[in-house]
Amino acid sequence: MNQDLTKGPVTKSMLLFAVPMILGDLLQQRYNIADSLKSPLTEISGLFSCELEFV
């Protein structure tokens, strides 16, 4: 899809250009939130499994 961004309505061109980047940023934020919630639980379960191996 080739579109000349120098012609036509400015607002529409800017929105069409920005929407994929905004969606990508939102997906990245969701991943970062999920990763930050998962990390402490993984570390805690890892500690318990190490302790159980030595018992």
C-alpha atoms as a PDB file:
ATOM      1  CA  MET A   1       0.000   0.000   0.000  1.00  0.00           C
ATOM      2  CA  ASN A   2       1.859   3.052  -1.264  1.00  0.00           C
ATOM      3  CA  GLN A   3       0.298   6.321  -0.268  1.00  0.00           C
ATOM      4  CA  ASP A   4       1.678   9.794  -0.785  1.00  0.00           C
ATOM      5  CA  LEU A   5       1.701  11.359   2.667  1.00  0.00           C
ATOM      6  CA  THR A   6       2.350  14.829   1.254  1.00  0.00           C
ATOM      7  CA  LYS A   7      -1.028  15.066  -0.468  1.00  0.00           C
ATOM      8  CA  GLY A   8      -4.566  14.938   0.831  1.00  0.00           C
ATOM      9  CA  PRO A   9      -5.946  15.476   4.321  1.00  0.00           C
ATOM     10  CA  VAL A  10      -3.208  15.737   6.922  1.00  0.00           C
ATOM     11  CA  THR A  11      -5.195  14.267   9.812  1.00  0.00           C
ATOM     12  CA  LYS A  12      -6.145  11.118   7.931  1.00  0.00           C
ATOM     13  CA  SER A  13      -2.578  10.590   6.728  1.00  0.00           C
ATOM     14  CA  MET A  14      -1.169  11.028  10.226  1.00  0.00           C
ATOM     15  CA  LEU A  15      -3.693   8.625  11.749  1.00  0.00           C
ATOM     16  CA  LEU A  16      -3.072   5.970   9.110  1.00  0.00           C
ATOM     17  CA  PHE A  17       0.659   6.304   9.738  1.00  0.00           C
ATOM     18  CA  ALA A  18       0.380   6.265  13.556  1.00  0.00           C
ATOM     19  CA  VAL A  19      -2.192   3.499  14.159  1.00  0.00           C
ATOM     20  CA  PRO A  20       0.192   0.536  13.612  1.00  0.00           C
ATOM     21  CA  MET A  21       2.777   2.095  15.928  1.00  0.00           C
ATOM     22  CA  ILE A  22       0.188   2.778  18.628  1.00  0.00           C
ATOM     23  CA  LEU A  23      -1.106  -0.792  18.429  1.00  0.00           C
ATOM     24  CA  GLY A  24       2.433  -2.126  18.639  1.00  0.00           C
ATOM     25  CA  ASP A  25       3.120   0.008  21.707  1.00  0.00           C
ATOM     26  CA  LEU A  26      -0.054  -1.245  23.408  1.00  0.00           C
ATOM     27  CA  LEU A  27       0.891  -4.872  22.744  1.00  0.00           C
ATOM     28  CA  GLN A  28       4.396  -4.238  24.082  1.00  0.00           C
ATOM     29  CA  GLN A  29       2.961  -2.714  27.268  1.00  0.00           C
ATOM     30  CA  ARG A  30       0.704  -5.726  27.779  1.00  0.00           C
ATOM     31  CA  TYR A  31       3.674  -8.057  27.363  1.00  0.00           C
ATOM     32  CA  ASN A  32       5.764  -6.054  29.838  1.00  0.00           C
ATOM     33  CA  ILE A  33       2.961  -6.067  32.425  1.00  0.00           C
ATOM     34  CA  ALA A  34       2.424  -9.810  32.064  1.00  0.00           C
ATOM     35  CA  ASP A  35       6.164 -10.437  32.272  1.00  0.00           C
ATOM     36  CA  SER A  36       6.532  -8.338  35.415  1.00  0.00           C
ATOM     37  CA  LEU A  37       3.670 -10.209  37.096  1.00  0.00           C
ATOM     38  CA  LYS A  38       5.081 -13.596  36.114  1.00  0.00           C
ATOM     39  CA  SER A  39       8.692 -13.000  37.189  1.00  0.00           C
ATOM     40  CA  PRO A  40       8.270 -12.845  41.000  1.00  0.00           C
ATOM     41  CA  LEU A  41       6.148 -15.995  41.005  1.00  0.00           C
ATOM     42  CA  THR A  42       8.712 -17.854  38.924  1.00  0.00           C
ATOM     43  CA  GLU A  43      11.521 -16.814  41.249  1.00  0.00           C
ATOM     44  CA  ILE A  44       9.583 -17.889  44.342  1.00  0.00           C
ATOM     45  CA  SER A  45       8.704 -21.293  42.892  1.00  0.00           C
ATOM     46  CA  GLY A  46      12.342 -21.707  41.845  1.00  0.00           C
ATOM     47  CA  LEU A  47      13.475 -21.108  45.413  1.00  0.00           C
ATOM     48  CA  PHE A  48      11.070 -23.705  46.765  1.00  0.00           C
ATOM     49  CA  SER A  49      12.121 -26.298  44.209  1.00  0.00           C
ATOM     50  CA  CYS A  50      15.793 -25.769  45.096  1.00  0.00           C
ATOM     51  CA  GLU A  51      15.055 -26.206  48.778  1.00  0.00           C
ATOM     52  CA  LEU A  52      13.124 -29.394  48.146  1.00  0.00           C
ATOM     53  CA  GLU A  53      15.976 -30.884  46.136  1.00  0.00           C
ATOM     54  CA  PHE A  54      18.366 -30.562  49.069  1.00  0.00           C
ATOM     55  CA  VAL A  55      15.981 -32.096  51.638  1.00  0.00           C
END
